[in-house]
Amino acid sequence: MSSFAKVLLPNQFDYAYHKEFQLQCTGYIDDANVDGIIFDFSRVEYLDSAALGMMMLWQRRAAAAHKKMMIKGAKGATAQILAMANMQRIFEYV
């Protein structure tokens, strides 16, 4: 049975969230009981290029650890930014 951890992202997903994001992702990637991480965008109203960069960095680290990363709940302008950045080619949407 697969086990996926969820990272509930803040209203404003930018570099200010870097440390918290790093702590959560590191913990889940290092946890042998976790098969992947779901980034929950349901609250995100703003994200910037730093957020996209953090996602890409952790996606590479997850892939090296044979773990999946997925996106859930993106809507409005946030969904448009993710689409413009071609995130659907890198992350599975659930």
PDB file of N, CA and C in Angstrom:
ATOM      1  N   MET A   1       0.836  -1.187   0.000  1.00  0.00           N
ATOM      2  CA  MET A   1       0.000   0.000   0.000  1.00  0.00           C
ATOM      3  C   MET A   1       0.882   1.251   0.000  1.00  0.00           C
ATOM      4  N   SER A   2       0.590   2.170  -0.893  1.00  0.00           N
ATOM      5  CA  SER A   2       1.383   3.390  -0.996  1.00  0.00           C
ATOM      6  C   SER A   2       1.000   4.381   0.091  1.00  0.00           C
ATOM      7  N   SER A   3       1.993   5.083   0.573  1.00  0.00           N
ATOM      8  CA  SER A   3       1.782   6.102   1.588  1.00  0.00           C
ATOM      9  C   SER A   3       2.329   7.430   1.069  1.00  0.00           C
ATOM     10  N   PHE A   4       1.446   8.419   1.009  1.00  0.00           N
ATOM     11  CA  PHE A   4       1.849   9.732   0.517  1.00  0.00           C
ATOM     12  C   PHE A   4       1.673  10.773   1.613  1.00  0.00           C
ATOM     13  N   ALA A   5       2.691  11.586   1.799  1.00  0.00           N
ATOM     14  CA  ALA A   5       2.647  12.676   2.758  1.00  0.00           C
ATOM     15  C   ALA A   5       2.097  13.910   2.054  1.00  0.00           C
ATOM     16  N   LYS A   6       1.438  14.764   2.796  1.00  0.00           N
ATOM     17  CA  LYS A   6       0.876  15.981   2.210  1.00  0.00           C
ATOM     18  C   LYS A   6       1.557  17.204   2.808  1.00  0.00           C
ATOM     19  N   VAL A   7       1.958  18.114   1.924  1.00  0.00           N
ATOM     20  CA  VAL A   7       2.506  19.406   2.337  1.00  0.00           C
ATOM     21  C   VAL A   7       1.454  20.445   1.984  1.00  0.00           C
ATOM     22  N   LEU A   8       0.779  20.994   3.001  1.00  0.00           N
ATOM     23  CA  LEU A   8      -0.221  22.030   2.795  1.00  0.00           C
ATOM     24  C   LEU A   8       0.512  23.364   2.671  1.00  0.00           C
ATOM     25  N   LEU A   9       0.531  23.886   1.467  1.00  0.00           N
ATOM     26  CA  LEU A   9       1.294  25.104   1.178  1.00  0.00           C
ATOM     27  C   LEU A   9       0.545  26.339   1.673  1.00  0.00           C
ATOM     28  N   PRO A  10       1.274  27.398   2.005  1.00  0.00           N
ATOM     29  CA  PRO A  10       0.657  28.615   2.534  1.00  0.00           C
ATOM     30  C   PRO A  10      -0.005  29.465   1.449  1.00  0.00           C
ATOM     31  N   ASN A  11      -0.769  30.440   1.878  1.00  0.00           N
ATOM     32  CA  ASN A  11      -1.442  31.372   0.982  1.00  0.00           C
ATOM     33  C   ASN A  11      -0.437  32.029   0.038  1.00  0.00           C
ATOM     34  N   GLN A  12       0.706  32.402   0.567  1.00  0.00           N
ATOM     35  CA  GLN A  12       1.766  33.036  -0.228  1.00  0.00           C
ATOM     36  C   GLN A  12       2.969  32.092  -0.247  1.00  0.00           C
ATOM     37  N   PHE A  13       3.137  31.392  -1.367  1.00  0.00           N
ATOM     38  CA  PHE A  13       4.211  30.417  -1.514  1.00  0.00           C
ATOM     39  C   PHE A  13       5.377  31.096  -2.219  1.00  0.00           C
ATOM     40  N   ASP A  14       6.358  31.528  -1.428  1.00  0.00           N
ATOM     41  CA  ASP A  14       7.525  32.213  -1.968  1.00  0.00           C
ATOM     42  C   ASP A  14       8.746  31.850  -1.122  1.00  0.00           C
ATOM     43  N   TYR A  15       9.829  32.554  -1.323  1.00  0.00           N
ATOM     44  CA  TYR A  15      11.077  32.211  -0.633  1.00  0.00           C
ATOM     45  C   TYR A  15      10.948  32.273   0.883  1.00  0.00           C
ATOM     46  N   ALA A  16      10.061  33.071   1.399  1.00  0.00           N
ATOM     47  CA  ALA A  16       9.884  33.173   2.850  1.00  0.00           C
ATOM     48  C   ALA A  16       9.475  31.827   3.456  1.00  0.00           C
ATOM     49  N   TYR A  17       8.915  30.944   2.652  1.00  0.00           N
ATOM     50  CA  TYR A  17       8.482  29.620   3.120  1.00  0.00           C
ATOM     51  C   TYR A  17       9.582  28.565   2.950  1.00  0.00           C
ATOM     52  N   HIS A  18      10.736  28.982   2.480  1.00  0.00           N
ATOM     53  CA  HIS A  18      11.827  28.062   2.139  1.00  0.00           C
ATOM     54  C   HIS A  18      12.205  27.097   3.262  1.00  0.00           C
ATOM     55  N   LYS A  19      12.464  27.615   4.467  1.00  0.00           N
ATOM     56  CA  LYS A  19      12.930  26.758   5.562  1.00  0.00           C
ATOM     57  C   LYS A  19      11.888  25.714   5.937  1.00  0.00           C
ATOM     58  N   GLU A  20      10.641  26.115   6.075  1.00  0.00           N
ATOM     59  CA  GLU A  20       9.573  25.176   6.422  1.00  0.00           C
ATOM     60  C   GLU A  20       9.409  24.123   5.327  1.00  0.00           C
ATOM     61  N   PHE A  21       9.443  24.561   4.082  1.00  0.00           N
ATOM     62  CA  PHE A  21       9.320  23.660   2.939  1.00  0.00           C
ATOM     63  C   PHE A  21      10.451  22.639   2.951  1.00  0.00           C
ATOM     64  N   GLN A  22      11.654  23.102   3.190  1.00  0.00           N
ATOM     65  CA  GLN A  22      12.829  22.239   3.225  1.00  0.00           C
ATOM     66  C   GLN A  22      12.712  21.211   4.347  1.00  0.00           C
ATOM     67  N   LEU A  23      12.295  21.639   5.516  1.00  0.00           N
ATOM     68  CA  LEU A  23      12.158  20.719   6.647  1.00  0.00           C
ATOM     69  C   LEU A  23      11.149  19.614   6.345  1.00  0.00           C
ATOM     70  N   GLN A  24      10.003  19.995   5.800  1.00  0.00           N
ATOM     71  CA  GLN A  24       8.975  19.009   5.502  1.00  0.00           C
ATOM     72  C   GLN A  24       9.445  18.031   4.421  1.00  0.00           C
ATOM     73  N   CYS A  25       9.978  18.558   3.335  1.00  0.00           N
ATOM     74  CA  CYS A  25      10.409  17.698   2.226  1.00  0.00           C
ATOM     75  C   CYS A  25      11.526  16.761   2.653  1.00  0.00           C
ATOM     76  N   THR A  26      12.499  17.263   3.395  1.00  0.00           N
ATOM     77  CA  THR A  26      13.601  16.425   3.859  1.00  0.00           C
ATOM     78  C   THR A  26      13.075  15.278   4.714  1.00  0.00           C
ATOM     79  N   GLY A  27      12.186  15.599   5.637  1.00  0.00           N
ATOM     80  CA  GLY A  27      11.628  14.569   6.512  1.00  0.00           C
ATOM     81  C   GLY A  27      10.904  13.487   5.740  1.00  0.00           C
ATOM     82  N   TYR A  28      10.118  13.892   4.754  1.00  0.00           N
ATOM     83  CA  TYR A  28       9.350  12.914   3.991  1.00  0.00           C
ATOM     84  C   TYR A  28      10.227  12.105   3.037  1.00  0.00           C
ATOM     85  N   ILE A  29      11.207  12.725   2.436  1.00  0.00           N
ATOM     86  CA  ILE A  29      12.087  11.996   1.522  1.00  0.00           C
ATOM     87  C   ILE A  29      12.949  10.997   2.303  1.00  0.00           C
ATOM     88  N   ASP A  30      13.341  11.351   3.504  1.00  0.00           N
ATOM     89  CA  ASP A  30      14.154  10.458   4.324  1.00  0.00           C
ATOM     90  C   ASP A  30      13.341   9.345   4.983  1.00  0.00           C
ATOM     91  N   ASP A  31      12.024   9.461   5.004  1.00  0.00           N
ATOM     92  CA  ASP A  31      11.148   8.483   5.657  1.00  0.00           C
ATOM     93  C   ASP A  31      10.890   7.303   4.717  1.00  0.00           C
ATOM     94  N   ALA A  32      11.376   6.136   5.080  1.00  0.00           N
ATOM     95  CA  ALA A  32      11.215   4.943   4.240  1.00  0.00           C
ATOM     96  C   ALA A  32       9.756   4.526   4.086  1.00  0.00           C
ATOM     97  N   ASN A  33       8.876   4.973   4.971  1.00  0.00           N
ATOM     98  CA  ASN A  33       7.459   4.616   4.905  1.00  0.00           C
ATOM     99  C   ASN A  33       6.657   5.522   3.978  1.00  0.00           C
ATOM    100  N   VAL A  34       7.282   6.568   3.459  1.00  0.00           N
ATOM    101  CA  VAL A  34       6.604   7.520   2.577  1.00  0.00           C
ATOM    102  C   VAL A  34       7.037   7.252   1.138  1.00  0.00           C
ATOM    103  N   ASP A  35       6.052   7.032   0.260  1.00  0.00           N
ATOM    104  CA  ASP A  35       6.324   6.749  -1.149  1.00  0.00           C
ATOM    105  C   ASP A  35       6.347   8.009  -2.012  1.00  0.00           C
ATOM    106  N   GLY A  36       5.810   9.093  -1.480  1.00  0.00           N
ATOM    107  CA  GLY A  36       5.774  10.326  -2.250  1.00  0.00           C
ATOM    108  C   GLY A  36       5.170  11.464  -1.451  1.00  0.00           C
ATOM    109  N   ILE A  37       5.190  12.634  -2.067  1.00  0.00           N
ATOM    110  CA  ILE A  37       4.702  13.856  -1.433  1.00  0.00           C
ATOM    111  C   ILE A  37       3.674  14.508  -2.344  1.00  0.00           C
ATOM    112  N   ILE A  38       2.576  14.939  -1.740  1.00  0.00           N
ATOM    113  CA  ILE A  38       1.547  15.686  -2.461  1.00  0.00           C
ATOM    114  C   ILE A  38       1.635  17.136  -2.007  1.00  0.00           C
ATOM    115  N   PHE A  39       1.901  18.030  -2.950  1.00  0.00           N
ATOM    116  CA  PHE A  39       1.890  19.463  -2.659  1.00  0.00           C
ATOM    117  C   PHE A  39       0.456  19.947  -2.798  1.00  0.00           C
ATOM    118  N   ASP A  40      -0.149  20.338  -1.693  1.00  0.00           N
ATOM    119  CA  ASP A  40      -1.538  20.781  -1.685  1.00  0.00           C
ATOM    120  C   ASP A  40      -1.578  22.300  -1.888  1.00  0.00           C
ATOM    121  N   PHE A  41      -2.019  22.700  -3.070  1.00  0.00           N
ATOM    122  CA  PHE A  41      -2.074  24.112  -3.454  1.00  0.00           C
ATOM    123  C   PHE A  41      -3.426  24.756  -3.154  1.00  0.00           C
ATOM    124  N   SER A  42      -4.301  24.093  -2.417  1.00  0.00           N
ATOM    125  CA  SER A  42      -5.668  24.583  -2.239  1.00  0.00           C
ATOM    126  C   SER A  42      -5.737  25.968  -1.591  1.00  0.00           C
ATOM    127  N   ARG A  43      -4.748  26.345  -0.801  1.00  0.00           N
ATOM    128  CA  ARG A  43      -4.759  27.675  -0.160  1.00  0.00           C
ATOM    129  C   ARG A  43      -3.904  28.706  -0.894  1.00  0.00           C
ATOM    130  N   VAL A  44      -3.093  28.279  -1.849  1.00  0.00           N
ATOM    131  CA  VAL A  44      -2.123  29.176  -2.488  1.00  0.00           C
ATOM    132  C   VAL A  44      -2.820  30.159  -3.427  1.00  0.00           C
ATOM    133  N   GLU A  45      -2.590  31.433  -3.168  1.00  0.00           N
ATOM    134  CA  GLU A  45      -3.102  32.499  -4.035  1.00  0.00           C
ATOM    135  C   GLU A  45      -1.967  33.209  -4.767  1.00  0.00           C
ATOM    136  N   TYR A  46      -0.735  33.015  -4.275  1.00  0.00           N
ATOM    137  CA  TYR A  46       0.424  33.670  -4.875  1.00  0.00           C
ATOM    138  C   TYR A  46       1.611  32.718  -4.809  1.00  0.00           C
ATOM    139  N   LEU A  47       2.320  32.585  -5.914  1.00  0.00           N
ATOM    140  CA  LEU A  47       3.597  31.897  -5.898  1.00  0.00           C
ATOM    141  C   LEU A  47       4.532  32.612  -6.854  1.00  0.00           C
ATOM    142  N   ASP A  48       5.826  32.510  -6.578  1.00  0.00           N
ATOM    143  CA  ASP A  48       6.805  33.199  -7.413  1.00  0.00           C
ATOM    144  C   ASP A  48       7.824  32.201  -7.960  1.00  0.00           C
ATOM    145  N   SER A  49       8.809  32.721  -8.659  1.00  0.00           N
ATOM    146  CA  SER A  49       9.804  31.854  -9.289  1.00  0.00           C
ATOM    147  C   SER A  49      10.628  31.096  -8.256  1.00  0.00           C
ATOM    148  N   ALA A  50      10.807  31.666  -7.074  1.00  0.00           N
ATOM    149  CA  ALA A  50      11.538  30.952  -6.021  1.00  0.00           C
ATOM    150  C   ALA A  50      10.776  29.690  -5.622  1.00  0.00           C
ATOM    151  N   ALA A  51       9.463  29.779  -5.545  1.00  0.00           N
ATOM    152  CA  ALA A  51       8.649  28.607  -5.207  1.00  0.00           C
ATOM    153  C   ALA A  51       8.777  27.541  -6.284  1.00  0.00           C
ATOM    154  N   LEU A  52       8.732  27.955  -7.536  1.00  0.00           N
ATOM    155  CA  LEU A  52       8.890  27.001  -8.639  1.00  0.00           C
ATOM    156  C   LEU A  52      10.267  26.339  -8.578  1.00  0.00           C
ATOM    157  N   GLY A  53      11.284  27.114  -8.284  1.00  0.00           N
ATOM    158  CA  GLY A  53      12.635  26.575  -8.156  1.00  0.00           C
ATOM    159  C   GLY A  53      12.755  25.578  -7.018  1.00  0.00           C
ATOM    160  N   MET A  54      12.127  25.886  -5.883  1.00  0.00           N
ATOM    161  CA  MET A  54      12.154  24.961  -4.749  1.00  0.00           C
ATOM    162  C   MET A  54      11.472  23.654  -5.116  1.00  0.00           C
ATOM    163  N   MET A  55      10.367  23.748  -5.824  1.00  0.00           N
ATOM    164  CA  MET A  55       9.657  22.543  -6.238  1.00  0.00           C
ATOM    165  C   MET A  55      10.532  21.680  -7.149  1.00  0.00           C
ATOM    166  N   MET A  56      11.219  22.316  -8.083  1.00  0.00           N
ATOM    167  CA  MET A  56      12.077  21.582  -9.010  1.00  0.00           C
ATOM    168  C   MET A  56      13.242  20.916  -8.269  1.00  0.00           C
ATOM    169  N   LEU A  57      13.848  21.634  -7.349  1.00  0.00           N
ATOM    170  CA  LEU A  57      14.952  21.097  -6.561  1.00  0.00           C
ATOM    171  C   LEU A  57      14.512  19.846  -5.814  1.00  0.00           C
ATOM    172  N   TRP A  58      13.381  19.938  -5.128  1.00  0.00           N
ATOM    173  CA  TRP A  58      12.916  18.801  -4.338  1.00  0.00           C
ATOM    174  C   TRP A  58      12.374  17.684  -5.210  1.00  0.00           C
ATOM    175  N   GLN A  59      11.899  17.996  -6.385  1.00  0.00           N
ATOM    176  CA  GLN A  59      11.451  16.946  -7.292  1.00  0.00           C
ATOM    177  C   GLN A  59      12.642  16.102  -7.728  1.00  0.00           C
ATOM    178  N   ARG A  60      13.764  16.735  -8.013  1.00  0.00           N
ATOM    179  CA  ARG A  60      14.976  16.001  -8.390  1.00  0.00           C
ATOM    180  C   ARG A  60      15.465  15.124  -7.232  1.00  0.00           C
ATOM    181  N   ARG A  61      15.411  15.661  -6.032  1.00  0.00           N
ATOM    182  CA  ARG A  61      15.839  14.890  -4.862  1.00  0.00           C
ATOM    183  C   ARG A  61      14.886  13.715  -4.617  1.00  0.00           C
ATOM    184  N   ALA A  62      13.616  13.940  -4.804  1.00  0.00           N
ATOM    185  CA  ALA A  62      12.634  12.861  -4.635  1.00  0.00           C
ATOM    186  C   ALA A  62      12.854  11.773  -5.680  1.00  0.00           C
ATOM    187  N   ALA A  63      13.087  12.174  -6.921  1.00  0.00           N
ATOM    188  CA  ALA A  63      13.323  11.194  -7.986  1.00  0.00           C
ATOM    189  C   ALA A  63      14.559  10.350  -7.668  1.00  0.00           C
ATOM    190  N   ALA A  64      15.596  10.967  -7.149  1.00  0.00           N
ATOM    191  CA  ALA A  64      16.805  10.233  -6.781  1.00  0.00           C
ATOM    192  C   ALA A  64      16.524   9.227  -5.666  1.00  0.00           C
ATOM    193  N   ALA A  65      15.533   9.529  -4.824  1.00  0.00           N
ATOM    194  CA  ALA A  65      15.149   8.635  -3.731  1.00  0.00           C
ATOM    195  C   ALA A  65      14.017   7.695  -4.154  1.00  0.00           C
ATOM    196  N   HIS A  66      13.656   7.714  -5.452  1.00  0.00           N
ATOM    197  CA  HIS A  66      12.592   6.868  -6.010  1.00  0.00           C
ATOM    198  C   HIS A  66      11.233   7.151  -5.366  1.00  0.00           C
ATOM    199  N   LYS A  67      10.946   8.445  -5.194  1.00  0.00           N
ATOM    200  CA  LYS A  67       9.669   8.868  -4.628  1.00  0.00           C
ATOM    201  C   LYS A  67       8.970   9.797  -5.605  1.00  0.00           C
ATOM    202  N   LYS A  68       7.649   9.778  -5.582  1.00  0.00           N
ATOM    203  CA  LYS A  68       6.841  10.619  -6.464  1.00  0.00           C
ATOM    204  C   LYS A  68       6.526  11.941  -5.778  1.00  0.00           C
ATOM    205  N   MET A  69       6.324  12.961  -6.602  1.00  0.00           N
ATOM    206  CA  MET A  69       5.829  14.244  -6.110  1.00  0.00           C
ATOM    207  C   MET A  69       4.651  14.624  -6.980  1.00  0.00           C
ATOM    208  N   MET A  70       3.576  15.057  -6.324  1.00  0.00           N
ATOM    209  CA  MET A  70       2.346  15.375  -7.028  1.00  0.00           C
ATOM    210  C   MET A  70       1.807  16.728  -6.594  1.00  0.00           C
ATOM    211  N   ILE A  71       0.952  17.283  -7.453  1.00  0.00           N
ATOM    212  CA  ILE A  71       0.301  18.565  -7.183  1.00  0.00           C
ATOM    213  C   ILE A  71      -1.191  18.329  -7.065  1.00  0.00           C
ATOM    214  N   LYS A  72      -1.777  18.973  -6.075  1.00  0.00           N
ATOM    215  CA  LYS A  72      -3.216  18.849  -5.850  1.00  0.00           C
ATOM    216  C   LYS A  72      -3.804  20.231  -5.541  1.00  0.00           C
ATOM    217  N   GLY A  73      -4.984  20.495  -6.053  1.00  0.00           N
ATOM    218  CA  GLY A  73      -5.756  21.650  -5.636  1.00  0.00           C
ATOM    219  C   GLY A  73      -5.381  23.005  -6.205  1.00  0.00           C
ATOM    220  N   ALA A  74      -4.539  23.058  -7.214  1.00  0.00           N
ATOM    221  CA  ALA A  74      -4.174  24.361  -7.797  1.00  0.00           C
ATOM    222  C   ALA A  74      -5.369  24.915  -8.562  1.00  0.00           C
ATOM    223  N   LYS A  75      -5.615  26.221  -8.390  1.00  0.00           N
ATOM    224  CA  LYS A  75      -6.743  26.848  -9.074  1.00  0.00           C
ATOM    225  C   LYS A  75      -6.417  28.304  -9.417  1.00  0.00           C
ATOM    226  N   GLY A  76      -7.201  28.843 -10.319  1.00  0.00           N
ATOM    227  CA  GLY A  76      -7.066  30.252 -10.678  1.00  0.00           C
ATOM    228  C   GLY A  76      -5.694  30.605 -11.217  1.00  0.00           C
ATOM    229  N   ALA A  77      -5.191  31.750 -10.762  1.00  0.00           N
ATOM    230  CA  ALA A  77      -3.900  32.255 -11.236  1.00  0.00           C
ATOM    231  C   ALA A  77      -2.768  31.288 -10.891  1.00  0.00           C
ATOM    232  N   THR A  78      -2.880  30.623  -9.755  1.00  0.00           N
ATOM    233  CA  THR A  78      -1.852  29.660  -9.360  1.00  0.00           C
ATOM    234  C   THR A  78      -1.767  28.526 -10.378  1.00  0.00           C
ATOM    235  N   ALA A  79      -2.913  27.997 -10.782  1.00  0.00           N
ATOM    236  CA  ALA A  79      -2.944  26.919 -11.781  1.00  0.00           C
ATOM    237  C   ALA A  79      -2.369  27.406 -13.106  1.00  0.00           C
ATOM    238  N   GLN A  80      -2.653  28.657 -13.467  1.00  0.00           N
ATOM    239  CA  GLN A  80      -2.134  29.219 -14.711  1.00  0.00           C
ATOM    240  C   GLN A  80      -0.614  29.341 -14.675  1.00  0.00           C
ATOM    241  N   ILE A  81      -0.075  29.775 -13.543  1.00  0.00           N
ATOM    242  CA  ILE A  81       1.382  29.909 -13.412  1.00  0.00           C
ATOM    243  C   ILE A  81       2.046  28.541 -13.507  1.00  0.00           C
ATOM    244  N   LEU A  82       1.472  27.548 -12.838  1.00  0.00           N
ATOM    245  CA  LEU A  82       2.014  26.194 -12.906  1.00  0.00           C
ATOM    246  C   LEU A  82       1.966  25.663 -14.340  1.00  0.00           C
ATOM    247  N   ALA A  83       0.888  25.956 -15.050  1.00  0.00           N
ATOM    248  CA  ALA A  83       0.763  25.509 -16.446  1.00  0.00           C
ATOM    249  C   ALA A  83       1.783  26.205 -17.341  1.00  0.00           C
ATOM    250  N   MET A  84       1.974  27.511 -17.149  1.00  0.00           N
ATOM    251  CA  MET A  84       2.951  28.246 -17.948  1.00  0.00           C
ATOM    252  C   MET A  84       4.370  27.732 -17.704  1.00  0.00           C
ATOM    253  N   ALA A  85       4.620  27.247 -16.497  1.00  0.00           N
ATOM    254  CA  ALA A  85       5.936  26.702 -16.158  1.00  0.00           C
ATOM    255  C   ALA A  85       6.053  25.225 -16.555  1.00  0.00           C
ATOM    256  N   ASN A  86       5.036  24.701 -17.218  1.00  0.00           N
ATOM    257  CA  ASN A  86       5.018  23.300 -17.680  1.00  0.00           C
ATOM    258  C   ASN A  86       5.175  22.285 -16.552  1.00  0.00           C
ATOM    259  N   MET A  87       4.656  22.593 -15.394  1.00  0.00           N
ATOM    260  CA  MET A  87       4.780  21.689 -14.257  1.00  0.00           C
ATOM    261  C   MET A  87       4.036  20.372 -14.481  1.00  0.00           C
ATOM    262  N   GLN A  88       3.043  20.366 -15.370  1.00  0.00           N
ATOM    263  CA  GLN A  88       2.303  19.142 -15.639  1.00  0.00           C
ATOM    264  C   GLN A  88       3.181  18.087 -16.324  1.00  0.00           C
ATOM    265  N   ARG A  89       4.292  18.518 -16.907  1.00  0.00           N
ATOM    266  CA  ARG A  89       5.232  17.572 -17.535  1.00  0.00           C
ATOM    267  C   ARG A  89       6.131  16.920 -16.487  1.00  0.00           C
ATOM    268  N   ILE A  90       6.230  17.537 -15.316  1.00  0.00           N
ATOM    269  CA  ILE A  90       7.168  17.078 -14.298  1.00  0.00           C
ATOM    270  C   ILE A  90       6.450  16.423 -13.118  1.00  0.00           C
ATOM    271  N   PHE A  91       5.321  16.996 -12.752  1.00  0.00           N
ATOM    272  CA  PHE A  91       4.563  16.518 -11.611  1.00  0.00           C
ATOM    273  C   PHE A  91       3.249  15.891 -12.075  1.00  0.00           C
ATOM    274  N   GLU A  92       2.861  14.840 -11.392  1.00  0.00           N
ATOM    275  CA  GLU A  92       1.540  14.256 -11.622  1.00  0.00           C
ATOM    276  C   GLU A  92       0.518  15.118 -10.863  1.00  0.00           C
ATOM    277  N   TYR A  93      -0.625  15.351 -11.490  1.00  0.00           N
ATOM    278  CA  TYR A  93      -1.703  16.092 -10.821  1.00  0.00           C
ATOM    279  C   TYR A  93      -2.725  15.101 -10.287  1.00  0.00           C
ATOM    280  N   VAL A  94      -3.136  15.286  -9.052  1.00  0.00           N
ATOM    281  CA  VAL A  94      -4.148  14.418  -8.456  1.00  0.00           C
ATOM    282  C   VAL A  94      -5.331  15.227  -7.985  1.00  0.00           C
TER     283      VAL A  94
END
